């Protein structure tokens, strides 16, 4: 069972990195000025990464309860899929949304079953 948990956490980690990538790509492709592009393209992924590490990561500094953690993860991954959709990656956006929804569901169920 430990190998399954390792694979799930690894896939979730790569999904998190992909989410950060989507926010960065979206930020750099908005049609506004260079300063705003840099702020959103670098700042948004940075804010999301820091927030994830502080509140949502498996070893978060300030761990949140299940009733907060699951919806927030789904919201972040959904916004990431929307960012992919906005930059023209429609098929990848839908695929990413479905995969991350399954990952959140499976990893959180795994965490629940190991704590009981």
PDB file of N, CA and C in Angstrom:
ATOM      1  N   UNK A   1       0.807  -1.202   0.000  1.00  0.00           N
ATOM      2  CA  UNK A   1       0.000   0.000   0.000  1.00  0.00           C
ATOM      3  C   UNK A   1       0.850   1.266   0.000  1.00  0.00           C
ATOM      4  N   UNK A   2       2.035   1.205   0.562  1.00  0.00           N
ATOM      5  CA  UNK A   2       2.883   2.392   0.597  1.00  0.00           C
ATOM      6  C   UNK A   2       3.290   2.838  -0.796  1.00  0.00           C
ATOM      7  N   UNK A   3       3.485   1.889  -1.713  1.00  0.00           N
ATOM      8  CA  UNK A   3       3.873   2.256  -3.074  1.00  0.00           C
ATOM      9  C   UNK A   3       2.743   3.014  -3.766  1.00  0.00           C
ATOM     10  N   UNK A   4       1.505   2.645  -3.488  1.00  0.00           N
ATOM     11  CA  UNK A   4       0.367   3.355  -4.078  1.00  0.00           C
ATOM     12  C   UNK A   4       0.314   4.785  -3.544  1.00  0.00           C
ATOM     13  N   UNK A   5       0.544   4.933  -2.251  1.00  0.00           N
ATOM     14  CA  UNK A   5       0.536   6.270  -1.648  1.00  0.00           C
ATOM     15  C   UNK A   5       1.653   7.129  -2.238  1.00  0.00           C
ATOM     16  N   UNK A   6       2.814   6.552  -2.432  1.00  0.00           N
ATOM     17  CA  UNK A   6       3.936   7.293  -3.018  1.00  0.00           C
ATOM     18  C   UNK A   6       3.590   7.741  -4.433  1.00  0.00           C
ATOM     19  N   UNK A   7       2.993   6.853  -5.233  1.00  0.00           N
ATOM     20  CA  UNK A   7       2.608   7.206  -6.598  1.00  0.00           C
ATOM     21  C   UNK A   7       1.551   8.310  -6.607  1.00  0.00           C
ATOM     22  N   UNK A   8       0.585   8.213  -5.722  1.00  0.00           N
ATOM     23  CA  UNK A   8      -0.466   9.224  -5.666  1.00  0.00           C
ATOM     24  C   UNK A   8       0.098  10.586  -5.269  1.00  0.00           C
ATOM     25  N   UNK A   9       0.985  10.583  -4.279  1.00  0.00           N
ATOM     26  CA  UNK A   9       1.591  11.847  -3.860  1.00  0.00           C
ATOM     27  C   UNK A   9       2.485  12.425  -4.950  1.00  0.00           C
ATOM     28  N   UNK A  10       3.177  11.563  -5.686  1.00  0.00           N
ATOM     29  CA  UNK A  10       4.021  12.023  -6.790  1.00  0.00           C
ATOM     30  C   UNK A  10       3.168  12.627  -7.902  1.00  0.00           C
ATOM     31  N   UNK A  11       2.090  11.951  -8.268  1.00  0.00           N
ATOM     32  CA  UNK A  11       1.193  12.493  -9.292  1.00  0.00           C
ATOM     33  C   UNK A  11       0.576  13.812  -8.846  1.00  0.00           C
ATOM     34  N   UNK A  12       0.214  13.894  -7.586  1.00  0.00           N
ATOM     35  CA  UNK A  12      -0.351  15.138  -7.053  1.00  0.00           C
ATOM     36  C   UNK A  12       0.675  16.258  -7.099  1.00  0.00           C
ATOM     37  N   UNK A  13       1.922  15.942  -6.785  1.00  0.00           N
ATOM     38  CA  UNK A  13       2.988  16.944  -6.843  1.00  0.00           C
ATOM     39  C   UNK A  13       3.150  17.482  -8.267  1.00  0.00           C
ATOM     40  N   UNK A  14       3.154  16.585  -9.255  1.00  0.00           N
ATOM     41  CA  UNK A  14       3.270  17.039 -10.636  1.00  0.00           C
ATOM     42  C   UNK A  14       2.036  17.825 -11.075  1.00  0.00           C
ATOM     43  N   UNK A  15       0.874  17.486 -10.560  1.00  0.00           N
ATOM     44  CA  UNK A  15      -0.334  18.262 -10.848  1.00  0.00           C
ATOM     45  C   UNK A  15      -0.221  19.663 -10.250  1.00  0.00           C
ATOM     46  N   UNK A  16       0.354  19.750  -9.063  1.00  0.00           N
ATOM     47  CA  UNK A  16       0.557  21.056  -8.434  1.00  0.00           C
ATOM     48  C   UNK A  16       1.519  21.908  -9.259  1.00  0.00           C
ATOM     49  N   UNK A  17       2.596  21.297  -9.735  1.00  0.00           N
ATOM     50  CA  UNK A  17       3.547  22.033 -10.579  1.00  0.00           C
ATOM     51  C   UNK A  17       2.890  22.485 -11.881  1.00  0.00           C
ATOM     52  N   UNK A  18       2.055  21.625 -12.440  1.00  0.00           N
ATOM     53  CA  UNK A  18       1.340  21.975 -13.667  1.00  0.00           C
ATOM     54  C   UNK A  18       0.372  23.123 -13.411  1.00  0.00           C
ATOM     55  N   UNK A  19      -0.264  23.126 -12.257  1.00  0.00           N
ATOM     56  CA  UNK A  19      -1.158  24.234 -11.906  1.00  0.00           C
ATOM     57  C   UNK A  19      -0.382  25.543 -11.832  1.00  0.00           C
ATOM     58  N   UNK A  20       0.789  25.510 -11.222  1.00  0.00           N
ATOM     59  CA  UNK A  20       1.617  26.718 -11.148  1.00  0.00           C
ATOM     60  C   UNK A  20       2.020  27.181 -12.541  1.00  0.00           C
ATOM     61  N   UNK A  21       2.340  26.219 -13.405  1.00  0.00           N
ATOM     62  CA  UNK A  21       2.687  26.542 -14.781  1.00  0.00           C
ATOM     63  C   UNK A  21       1.522  27.233 -15.484  1.00  0.00           C
ATOM     64  N   UNK A  22       0.317  26.742 -15.282  1.00  0.00           N
ATOM     65  CA  UNK A  22      -0.848  27.343 -15.949  1.00  0.00           C
ATOM     66  C   UNK A  22      -1.053  28.785 -15.496  1.00  0.00           C
ATOM     67  N   UNK A  23      -0.888  29.029 -14.205  1.00  0.00           N
ATOM     68  CA  UNK A  23      -1.048  30.404 -13.709  1.00  0.00           C
ATOM     69  C   UNK A  23       0.015  31.326 -14.301  1.00  0.00           C
ATOM     70  N   UNK A  24       1.241  30.829 -14.394  1.00  0.00           N
ATOM     71  CA  UNK A  24       2.312  31.630 -14.978  1.00  0.00           C
ATOM     72  C   UNK A  24       2.085  31.909 -16.454  1.00  0.00           C
ATOM     73  N   UNK A  25       1.717  30.879 -17.208  1.00  0.00           N
ATOM     74  CA  UNK A  25       1.455  31.063 -18.637  1.00  0.00           C
ATOM     75  C   UNK A  25       0.316  32.040 -18.868  1.00  0.00           C
ATOM     76  N   UNK A  26      -0.750  31.886 -18.086  1.00  0.00           N
ATOM     77  CA  UNK A  26      -1.880  32.798 -18.218  1.00  0.00           C
ATOM     78  C   UNK A  26      -1.450  34.230 -17.920  1.00  0.00           C
ATOM     79  N   UNK A  27      -0.677  34.410 -16.861  1.00  0.00           N
ATOM     80  CA  UNK A  27      -0.243  35.747 -16.480  1.00  0.00           C
ATOM     81  C   UNK A  27       0.591  36.426 -17.543  1.00  0.00           C
ATOM     82  N   UNK A  28       1.453  35.665 -18.200  1.00  0.00           N
ATOM     83  CA  UNK A  28       2.308  36.250 -19.232  1.00  0.00           C
ATOM     84  C   UNK A  28       1.580  36.454 -20.556  1.00  0.00           C
ATOM     85  N   UNK A  29       0.398  35.864 -20.722  1.00  0.00           N
ATOM     86  CA  UNK A  29      -0.316  35.998 -21.988  1.00  0.00           C
ATOM     87  C   UNK A  29      -1.493  36.962 -21.941  1.00  0.00           C
ATOM     88  N   UNK A  30      -1.664  37.667 -20.829  1.00  0.00           N
ATOM     89  CA  UNK A  30      -2.745  38.656 -20.819  1.00  0.00           C
ATOM     90  C   UNK A  30      -2.341  39.819 -21.733  1.00  0.00           C
ATOM     91  N   UNK A  31      -3.305  40.498 -22.329  1.00  0.00           N
ATOM     92  CA  UNK A  31      -2.974  41.531 -23.323  1.00  0.00           C
ATOM     93  C   UNK A  31      -2.666  42.904 -22.725  1.00  0.00           C
ATOM     94  N   UNK A  32      -2.299  42.963 -21.475  1.00  0.00           N
ATOM     95  CA  UNK A  32      -2.012  44.258 -20.839  1.00  0.00           C
ATOM     96  C   UNK A  32      -0.513  44.545 -20.890  1.00  0.00           C
ATOM     97  N   UNK A  33      -0.069  45.525 -20.127  1.00  0.00           N
ATOM     98  CA  UNK A  33       1.312  45.966 -20.132  1.00  0.00           C
ATOM     99  C   UNK A  33       2.303  44.955 -19.582  1.00  0.00           C
ATOM    100  N   UNK A  34       3.562  45.217 -19.837  1.00  0.00           N
ATOM    101  CA  UNK A  34       4.643  44.318 -19.447  1.00  0.00           C
ATOM    102  C   UNK A  34       4.740  44.164 -17.927  1.00  0.00           C
ATOM    103  N   UNK A  35       4.541  45.241 -17.196  1.00  0.00           N
ATOM    104  CA  UNK A  35       4.627  45.164 -15.738  1.00  0.00           C
ATOM    105  C   UNK A  35       3.547  44.243 -15.167  1.00  0.00           C
ATOM    106  N   UNK A  36       2.328  44.366 -15.652  1.00  0.00           N
ATOM    107  CA  UNK A  36       1.240  43.510 -15.175  1.00  0.00           C
ATOM    108  C   UNK A  36       1.483  42.054 -15.573  1.00  0.00           C
ATOM    109  N   UNK A  37       1.996  41.849 -16.779  1.00  0.00           N
ATOM    110  CA  UNK A  37       2.323  40.486 -17.215  1.00  0.00           C
ATOM    111  C   UNK A  37       3.345  39.855 -16.276  1.00  0.00           C
ATOM    112  N   UNK A  38       4.372  40.595 -15.927  1.00  0.00           N
ATOM    113  CA  UNK A  38       5.404  40.068 -15.022  1.00  0.00           C
ATOM    114  C   UNK A  38       4.850  39.835 -13.623  1.00  0.00           C
ATOM    115  N   UNK A  39       4.036  40.767 -13.137  1.00  0.00           N
ATOM    116  CA  UNK A  39       3.440  40.605 -11.810  1.00  0.00           C
ATOM    117  C   UNK A  39       2.564  39.364 -11.746  1.00  0.00           C
ATOM    118  N   UNK A  40       1.718  39.176 -12.745  1.00  0.00           N
ATOM    119  CA  UNK A  40       0.832  38.012 -12.744  1.00  0.00           C
ATOM    120  C   UNK A  40       1.570  36.737 -13.121  1.00  0.00           C
ATOM    121  N   UNK A  41       2.469  36.816 -14.086  1.00  0.00           N
ATOM    122  CA  UNK A  41       3.180  35.629 -14.550  1.00  0.00           C
ATOM    123  C   UNK A  41       4.132  35.048 -13.525  1.00  0.00           C
ATOM    124  N   UNK A  42       4.673  35.887 -12.676  1.00  0.00           N
ATOM    125  CA  UNK A  42       5.596  35.421 -11.632  1.00  0.00           C
ATOM    126  C   UNK A  42       4.910  35.435 -10.272  1.00  0.00           C
ATOM    127  N   UNK A  43       4.177  36.502  -9.994  1.00  0.00           N
ATOM    128  CA  UNK A  43       3.577  36.676  -8.675  1.00  0.00           C
ATOM    129  C   UNK A  43       2.467  35.698  -8.346  1.00  0.00           C
ATOM    130  N   UNK A  44       1.574  35.444  -9.298  1.00  0.00           N
ATOM    131  CA  UNK A  44       0.455  34.543  -9.033  1.00  0.00           C
ATOM    132  C   UNK A  44       0.918  33.122  -8.707  1.00  0.00           C
ATOM    133  N   UNK A  45       1.813  32.525  -9.521  1.00  0.00           N
ATOM    134  CA  UNK A  45       2.296  31.186  -9.144  1.00  0.00           C
ATOM    135  C   UNK A  45       3.040  31.187  -7.807  1.00  0.00           C
ATOM    136  N   UNK A  46       3.748  32.260  -7.525  1.00  0.00           N
ATOM    137  CA  UNK A  46       4.476  32.348  -6.264  1.00  0.00           C
ATOM    138  C   UNK A  46       3.528  32.398  -5.074  1.00  0.00           C
ATOM    139  N   UNK A  47       2.480  33.200  -5.173  1.00  0.00           N
ATOM    140  CA  UNK A  47       1.486  33.288  -4.092  1.00  0.00           C
ATOM    141  C   UNK A  47       0.778  31.951  -3.892  1.00  0.00           C
ATOM    142  N   UNK A  48       0.410  31.300  -4.996  1.00  0.00           N
ATOM    143  CA  UNK A  48      -0.266  30.001  -4.897  1.00  0.00           C
ATOM    144  C   UNK A  48       0.664  28.962  -4.271  1.00  0.00           C
ATOM    145  N   UNK A  49       1.935  28.943  -4.691  1.00  0.00           N
ATOM    146  CA  UNK A  49       2.890  27.963  -4.156  1.00  0.00           C
ATOM    147  C   UNK A  49       3.127  28.166  -2.657  1.00  0.00           C
ATOM    148  N   UNK A  50       3.282  29.399  -2.249  1.00  0.00           N
ATOM    149  CA  UNK A  50       3.506  29.684  -0.828  1.00  0.00           C
ATOM    150  C   UNK A  50       2.269  29.321  -0.015  1.00  0.00           C
ATOM    151  N   UNK A  51       1.099  29.691  -0.513  1.00  0.00           N
ATOM    152  CA  UNK A  51      -0.145  29.369   0.192  1.00  0.00           C
ATOM    153  C   UNK A  51      -0.347  27.867   0.300  1.00  0.00           C
ATOM    154  N   UNK A  52      -0.065  27.148  -0.789  1.00  0.00           N
ATOM    155  CA  UNK A  52      -0.213  25.690  -0.788  1.00  0.00           C
ATOM    156  C   UNK A  52       0.721  25.077   0.256  1.00  0.00           C
ATOM    157  N   UNK A  53       1.954  25.536   0.278  1.00  0.00           N
ATOM    158  CA  UNK A  53       2.920  25.003   1.239  1.00  0.00           C
ATOM    159  C   UNK A  53       2.543  25.301   2.683  1.00  0.00           C
ATOM    160  N   UNK A  54       1.975  26.464   2.918  1.00  0.00           N
ATOM    161  CA  UNK A  54       1.605  26.844   4.280  1.00  0.00           C
ATOM    162  C   UNK A  54       0.357  26.124   4.782  1.00  0.00           C
ATOM    163  N   UNK A  55      -0.625  25.905   3.894  1.00  0.00           N
ATOM    164  CA  UNK A  55      -1.922  25.428   4.355  1.00  0.00           C
ATOM    165  C   UNK A  55      -2.387  24.075   3.802  1.00  0.00           C
ATOM    166  N   UNK A  56      -1.948  23.680   2.606  1.00  0.00           N
ATOM    167  CA  UNK A  56      -2.535  22.519   1.955  1.00  0.00           C
ATOM    168  C   UNK A  56      -1.597  21.331   1.775  1.00  0.00           C
ATOM    169  N   UNK A  57      -0.317  21.537   1.886  1.00  0.00           N
ATOM    170  CA  UNK A  57       0.655  20.460   1.655  1.00  0.00           C
ATOM    171  C   UNK A  57       0.514  19.374   2.730  1.00  0.00           C
ATOM    172  N   UNK A  58       0.968  18.137   2.424  1.00  0.00           N
ATOM    173  CA  UNK A  58       0.888  17.071   3.431  1.00  0.00           C
ATOM    174  C   UNK A  58       1.588  17.426   4.751  1.00  0.00           C
ATOM    175  N   UNK A  59       2.670  18.177   4.667  1.00  0.00           N
ATOM    176  CA  UNK A  59       3.375  18.618   5.884  1.00  0.00           C
ATOM    177  C   UNK A  59       3.292  20.139   6.005  1.00  0.00           C
ATOM    178  N   UNK A  60       2.082  20.665   5.904  1.00  0.00           N
ATOM    179  CA  UNK A  60       1.860  22.110   5.938  1.00  0.00           C
ATOM    180  C   UNK A  60       2.262  22.700   7.277  1.00  0.00           C
ATOM    181  N   UNK A  61       2.729  23.939   7.231  1.00  0.00           N
ATOM    182  CA  UNK A  61       3.089  24.657   8.455  1.00  0.00           C
ATOM    183  C   UNK A  61       1.846  24.892   9.303  1.00  0.00           C
ATOM    184  N   UNK A  62       0.758  25.270   8.656  1.00  0.00           N
ATOM    185  CA  UNK A  62      -0.523  25.495   9.321  1.00  0.00           C
ATOM    186  C   UNK A  62      -1.574  24.593   8.668  1.00  0.00           C
ATOM    187  N   UNK A  63      -1.636  23.338   9.052  1.00  0.00           N
ATOM    188  CA  UNK A  63      -2.563  22.414   8.383  1.00  0.00           C
ATOM    189  C   UNK A  63      -4.019  22.829   8.581  1.00  0.00           C
ATOM    190  N   UNK A  64      -4.794  22.635   7.524  1.00  0.00           N
ATOM    191  CA  UNK A  64      -6.209  22.966   7.570  1.00  0.00           C
ATOM    192  C   UNK A  64      -7.028  21.691   7.734  1.00  0.00           C
ATOM    193  N   UNK A  65      -8.252  21.863   8.154  1.00  0.00           N
ATOM    194  CA  UNK A  65      -9.149  20.723   8.300  1.00  0.00           C
ATOM    195  C   UNK A  65      -9.629  20.235   6.946  1.00  0.00           C
ATOM    196  N   UNK A  66     -10.153  19.060   6.954  1.00  0.00           N
ATOM    197  CA  UNK A  66     -10.615  18.412   5.726  1.00  0.00           C
ATOM    198  C   UNK A  66     -11.698  19.225   5.024  1.00  0.00           C
ATOM    199  N   UNK A  67     -12.577  19.844   5.787  1.00  0.00           N
ATOM    200  CA  UNK A  67     -13.688  20.602   5.209  1.00  0.00           C
ATOM    201  C   UNK A  67     -13.215  21.877   4.508  1.00  0.00           C
ATOM    202  N   UNK A  68     -12.026  22.326   4.798  1.00  0.00           N
ATOM    203  CA  UNK A  68     -11.455  23.483   4.110  1.00  0.00           C
ATOM    204  C   UNK A  68     -10.493  23.022   3.021  1.00  0.00           C
ATOM    205  N   UNK A  69      -9.681  22.047   3.331  1.00  0.00           N
ATOM    206  CA  UNK A  69      -8.619  21.602   2.425  1.00  0.00           C
ATOM    207  C   UNK A  69      -9.158  21.096   1.081  1.00  0.00           C
ATOM    208  N   UNK A  70     -10.168  20.247   1.100  1.00  0.00           N
ATOM    209  CA  UNK A  70     -10.682  19.667  -0.151  1.00  0.00           C
ATOM    210  C   UNK A  70     -11.279  20.739  -1.066  1.00  0.00           C
ATOM    211  N   UNK A  71     -12.190  21.583  -0.584  1.00  0.00           N
ATOM    212  CA  UNK A  71     -12.738  22.606  -1.494  1.00  0.00           C
ATOM    213  C   UNK A  71     -11.672  23.578  -2.025  1.00  0.00           C
ATOM    214  N   UNK A  72     -10.728  23.945  -1.182  1.00  0.00           N
ATOM    215  CA  UNK A  72      -9.701  24.884  -1.636  1.00  0.00           C
ATOM    216  C   UNK A  72      -8.820  24.241  -2.707  1.00  0.00           C
ATOM    217  N   UNK A  73      -8.457  22.970  -2.530  1.00  0.00           N
ATOM    218  CA  UNK A  73      -7.679  22.276  -3.560  1.00  0.00           C
ATOM    219  C   UNK A  73      -8.463  22.197  -4.863  1.00  0.00           C
ATOM    220  N   UNK A  74      -9.736  21.883  -4.773  1.00  0.00           N
ATOM    221  CA  UNK A  74     -10.566  21.795  -5.982  1.00  0.00           C
ATOM    222  C   UNK A  74     -10.679  23.157  -6.652  1.00  0.00           C
ATOM    223  N   UNK A  75     -10.813  24.213  -5.867  1.00  0.00           N
ATOM    224  CA  UNK A  75     -10.892  25.564  -6.429  1.00  0.00           C
ATOM    225  C   UNK A  75      -9.595  25.930  -7.136  1.00  0.00           C
ATOM    226  N   UNK A  76      -8.454  25.646  -6.513  1.00  0.00           N
ATOM    227  CA  UNK A  76      -7.166  25.986  -7.133  1.00  0.00           C
ATOM    228  C   UNK A  76      -6.971  25.212  -8.428  1.00  0.00           C
ATOM    229  N   UNK A  77      -7.248  23.909  -8.413  1.00  0.00           N
ATOM    230  CA  UNK A  77      -7.093  23.127  -9.629  1.00  0.00           C
ATOM    231  C   UNK A  77      -8.109  23.548 -10.693  1.00  0.00           C
ATOM    232  N   UNK A  78      -9.310  23.942 -10.288  1.00  0.00           N
ATOM    233  CA  UNK A  78     -10.305  24.414 -11.245  1.00  0.00           C
ATOM    234  C   UNK A  78      -9.858  25.721 -11.891  1.00  0.00           C
ATOM    235  N   UNK A  79      -9.337  26.634 -11.084  1.00  0.00           N
ATOM    236  CA  UNK A  79      -8.827  27.892 -11.633  1.00  0.00           C
ATOM    237  C   UNK A  79      -7.652  27.646 -12.573  1.00  0.00           C
ATOM    238  N   UNK A  80      -6.853  26.656 -12.238  1.00  0.00           N
ATOM    239  CA  UNK A  80      -5.744  26.292 -13.112  1.00  0.00           C
ATOM    240  C   UNK A  80      -6.255  25.770 -14.449  1.00  0.00           C
ATOM    241  N   UNK A  81      -7.281  24.926 -14.418  1.00  0.00           N
ATOM    242  CA  UNK A  81      -7.875  24.429 -15.662  1.00  0.00           C
ATOM    243  C   UNK A  81      -8.479  25.580 -16.467  1.00  0.00           C
ATOM    244  N   UNK A  82      -9.096  26.531 -15.783  1.00  0.00           N
ATOM    245  CA  UNK A  82      -9.653  27.703 -16.470  1.00  0.00           C
ATOM    246  C   UNK A  82      -8.536  28.522 -17.112  1.00  0.00           C
ATOM    247  N   UNK A  83      -7.397  28.623 -16.429  1.00  0.00           N
ATOM    248  CA  UNK A  83      -6.255  29.338 -17.002  1.00  0.00           C
ATOM    249  C   UNK A  83      -5.767  28.643 -18.271  1.00  0.00           C
ATOM    250  N   UNK A  84      -5.690  27.313 -18.241  1.00  0.00           N
ATOM    251  CA  UNK A  84      -5.319  26.586 -19.460  1.00  0.00           C
ATOM    252  C   UNK A  84      -6.333  26.836 -20.571  1.00  0.00           C
ATOM    253  N   UNK A  85      -7.604  26.825 -20.222  1.00  0.00           N
ATOM    254  CA  UNK A  85      -8.660  27.077 -21.208  1.00  0.00           C
ATOM    255  C   UNK A  85      -8.513  28.481 -21.793  1.00  0.00           C
ATOM    256  N   UNK A  86      -8.206  29.445 -20.945  1.00  0.00           N
ATOM    257  CA  UNK A  86      -8.092  30.835 -21.389  1.00  0.00           C
ATOM    258  C   UNK A  86      -6.919  31.058 -22.341  1.00  0.00           C
ATOM    259  N   UNK A  87      -5.883  30.248 -22.232  1.00  0.00           N
ATOM    260  CA  UNK A  87      -4.736  30.421 -23.137  1.00  0.00           C
ATOM    261  C   UNK A  87      -4.840  29.518 -24.366  1.00  0.00           C
ATOM    262  N   UNK A  88      -6.012  28.885 -24.542  1.00  0.00           N
ATOM    263  CA  UNK A  88      -6.248  28.133 -25.754  1.00  0.00           C
ATOM    264  C   UNK A  88      -6.012  26.639 -25.663  1.00  0.00           C
ATOM    265  N   UNK A  89      -5.707  26.129 -24.499  1.00  0.00           N
ATOM    266  CA  UNK A  89      -5.456  24.698 -24.316  1.00  0.00           C
ATOM    267  C   UNK A  89      -6.724  24.021 -23.804  1.00  0.00           C
ATOM    268  N   UNK A  90      -7.739  23.978 -24.631  1.00  0.00           N
ATOM    269  CA  UNK A  90      -9.057  23.518 -24.196  1.00  0.00           C
ATOM    270  C   UNK A  90      -9.095  22.039 -23.820  1.00  0.00           C
ATOM    271  N   UNK A  91      -8.540  21.179 -24.663  1.00  0.00           N
ATOM    272  CA  UNK A  91      -8.549  19.745 -24.353  1.00  0.00           C
ATOM    273  C   UNK A  91      -7.718  19.459 -23.105  1.00  0.00           C
ATOM    274  N   UNK A  92      -6.547  20.086 -23.007  1.00  0.00           N
ATOM    275  CA  UNK A  92      -5.705  19.874 -21.836  1.00  0.00           C
ATOM    276  C   UNK A  92      -6.392  20.397 -20.580  1.00  0.00           C
ATOM    277  N   UNK A  93      -7.110  21.500 -20.688  1.00  0.00           N
ATOM    278  CA  UNK A  93      -7.819  22.062 -19.532  1.00  0.00           C
ATOM    279  C   UNK A  93      -8.840  21.068 -18.985  1.00  0.00           C
ATOM    280  N   UNK A  94      -9.624  20.486 -19.880  1.00  0.00           N
ATOM    281  CA  UNK A  94     -10.632  19.518 -19.449  1.00  0.00           C
ATOM    282  C   UNK A  94      -9.972  18.266 -18.871  1.00  0.00           C
ATOM    283  N   UNK A  95      -8.957  17.773 -19.537  1.00  0.00           N
ATOM    284  CA  UNK A  95      -8.241  16.583 -19.053  1.00  0.00           C
ATOM    285  C   UNK A  95      -7.599  16.843 -17.691  1.00  0.00           C
ATOM    286  N   UNK A  96      -6.971  18.000 -17.563  1.00  0.00           N
ATOM    287  CA  UNK A  96      -6.317  18.356 -16.306  1.00  0.00           C
ATOM    288  C   UNK A  96      -7.342  18.456 -15.177  1.00  0.00           C
ATOM    289  N   UNK A  97      -8.486  19.055 -15.460  1.00  0.00           N
ATOM    290  CA  UNK A  97      -9.532  19.182 -14.446  1.00  0.00           C
ATOM    291  C   UNK A  97     -10.008  17.812 -13.968  1.00  0.00           C
ATOM    292  N   UNK A  98     -10.272  16.907 -14.903  1.00  0.00           N
ATOM    293  CA  UNK A  98     -10.759  15.573 -14.541  1.00  0.00           C
ATOM    294  C   UNK A  98      -9.713  14.808 -13.735  1.00  0.00           C
ATOM    295  N   UNK A  99      -8.465  14.846 -14.185  1.00  0.00           N
ATOM    296  CA  UNK A  99      -7.403  14.112 -13.487  1.00  0.00           C
ATOM    297  C   UNK A  99      -7.176  14.672 -12.089  1.00  0.00           C
ATOM    298  N   UNK A 100      -7.135  15.993 -11.956  1.00  0.00           N
ATOM    299  CA  UNK A 100      -6.875  16.567 -10.636  1.00  0.00           C
ATOM    300  C   UNK A 100      -8.047  16.349  -9.683  1.00  0.00           C
ATOM    301  N   UNK A 101      -9.259  16.357 -10.213  1.00  0.00           N
ATOM    302  CA  UNK A 101     -10.414  16.059  -9.373  1.00  0.00           C
ATOM    303  C   UNK A 101     -10.319  14.640  -8.813  1.00  0.00           C
ATOM    304  N   UNK A 102      -9.924  13.708  -9.665  1.00  0.00           N
ATOM    305  CA  UNK A 102      -9.741  12.330  -9.200  1.00  0.00           C
ATOM    306  C   UNK A 102      -8.582  12.233  -8.208  1.00  0.00           C
ATOM    307  N   UNK A 103      -7.496  12.945  -8.468  1.00  0.00           N
ATOM    308  CA  UNK A 103      -6.348  12.902  -7.553  1.00  0.00           C
ATOM    309  C   UNK A 103      -6.711  13.443  -6.172  1.00  0.00           C
ATOM    310  N   UNK A 104      -7.404  14.569  -6.135  1.00  0.00           N
ATOM    311  CA  UNK A 104      -7.803  15.139  -4.839  1.00  0.00           C
ATOM    312  C   UNK A 104      -8.697  14.157  -4.103  1.00  0.00           C
ATOM    313  N   UNK A 105      -9.651  13.591  -4.811  1.00  0.00           N
ATOM    314  CA  UNK A 105     -10.568  12.639  -4.187  1.00  0.00           C
ATOM    315  C   UNK A 105      -9.824  11.425  -3.641  1.00  0.00           C
ATOM    316  N   UNK A 106      -8.959  10.847  -4.448  1.00  0.00           N
ATOM    317  CA  UNK A 106      -8.240   9.634  -4.025  1.00  0.00           C
ATOM    318  C   UNK A 106      -7.239   9.913  -2.905  1.00  0.00           C
ATOM    319  N   UNK A 107      -6.479  10.999  -3.015  1.00  0.00           N
ATOM    320  CA  UNK A 107      -5.481  11.269  -1.977  1.00  0.00           C
ATOM    321  C   UNK A 107      -6.133  11.635  -0.650  1.00  0.00           C
ATOM    322  N   UNK A 108      -7.221  12.392  -0.705  1.00  0.00           N
ATOM    323  CA  UNK A 108      -7.888  12.741   0.551  1.00  0.00           C
ATOM    324  C   UNK A 108      -8.574  11.521   1.158  1.00  0.00           C
ATOM    325  N   UNK A 109      -9.118  10.628   0.340  1.00  0.00           N
ATOM    326  CA  UNK A 109      -9.687   9.384   0.866  1.00  0.00           C
ATOM    327  C   UNK A 109      -8.599   8.507   1.459  1.00  0.00           C
ATOM    328  N   UNK A 110      -7.444   8.491   0.834  1.00  0.00           N
ATOM    329  CA  UNK A 110      -6.315   7.733   1.369  1.00  0.00           C
ATOM    330  C   UNK A 110      -5.922   8.289   2.741  1.00  0.00           C
ATOM    331  N   UNK A 111      -5.841   9.614   2.847  1.00  0.00           N
ATOM    332  CA  UNK A 111      -5.480  10.228   4.129  1.00  0.00           C
ATOM    333  C   UNK A 111      -6.492   9.913   5.195  1.00  0.00           C
ATOM    334  N   UNK A 112      -7.776   9.886   4.851  1.00  0.00           N
ATOM    335  CA  UNK A 112      -8.811   9.555   5.824  1.00  0.00           C
ATOM    336  C   UNK A 112      -8.691   8.114   6.270  1.00  0.00           C
ATOM    337  N   UNK A 113      -8.492   7.208   5.334  1.00  0.00           N
ATOM    338  CA  UNK A 113      -8.471   5.790   5.683  1.00  0.00           C
ATOM    339  C   UNK A 113      -7.235   5.414   6.493  1.00  0.00           C
ATOM    340  N   UNK A 114      -6.118   6.137   6.330  1.00  0.00           N
ATOM    341  CA  UNK A 114      -4.919   5.819   7.090  1.00  0.00           C
ATOM    342  C   UNK A 114      -4.976   6.382   8.498  1.00  0.00           C
ATOM    343  N   UNK A 115      -5.827   7.379   8.741  1.00  0.00           N
ATOM    344  CA  UNK A 115      -5.916   7.976  10.074  1.00  0.00           C
ATOM    345  C   UNK A 115      -6.942   7.283  10.955  1.00  0.00           C
ATOM    346  N   UNK A 116      -7.816   6.475  10.368  1.00  0.00           N
ATOM    347  CA  UNK A 116      -8.868   5.815  11.159  1.00  0.00           C
ATOM    348  C   UNK A 116      -8.358   4.564  11.820  1.00  0.00           C
TER     349      UNK A 116
END
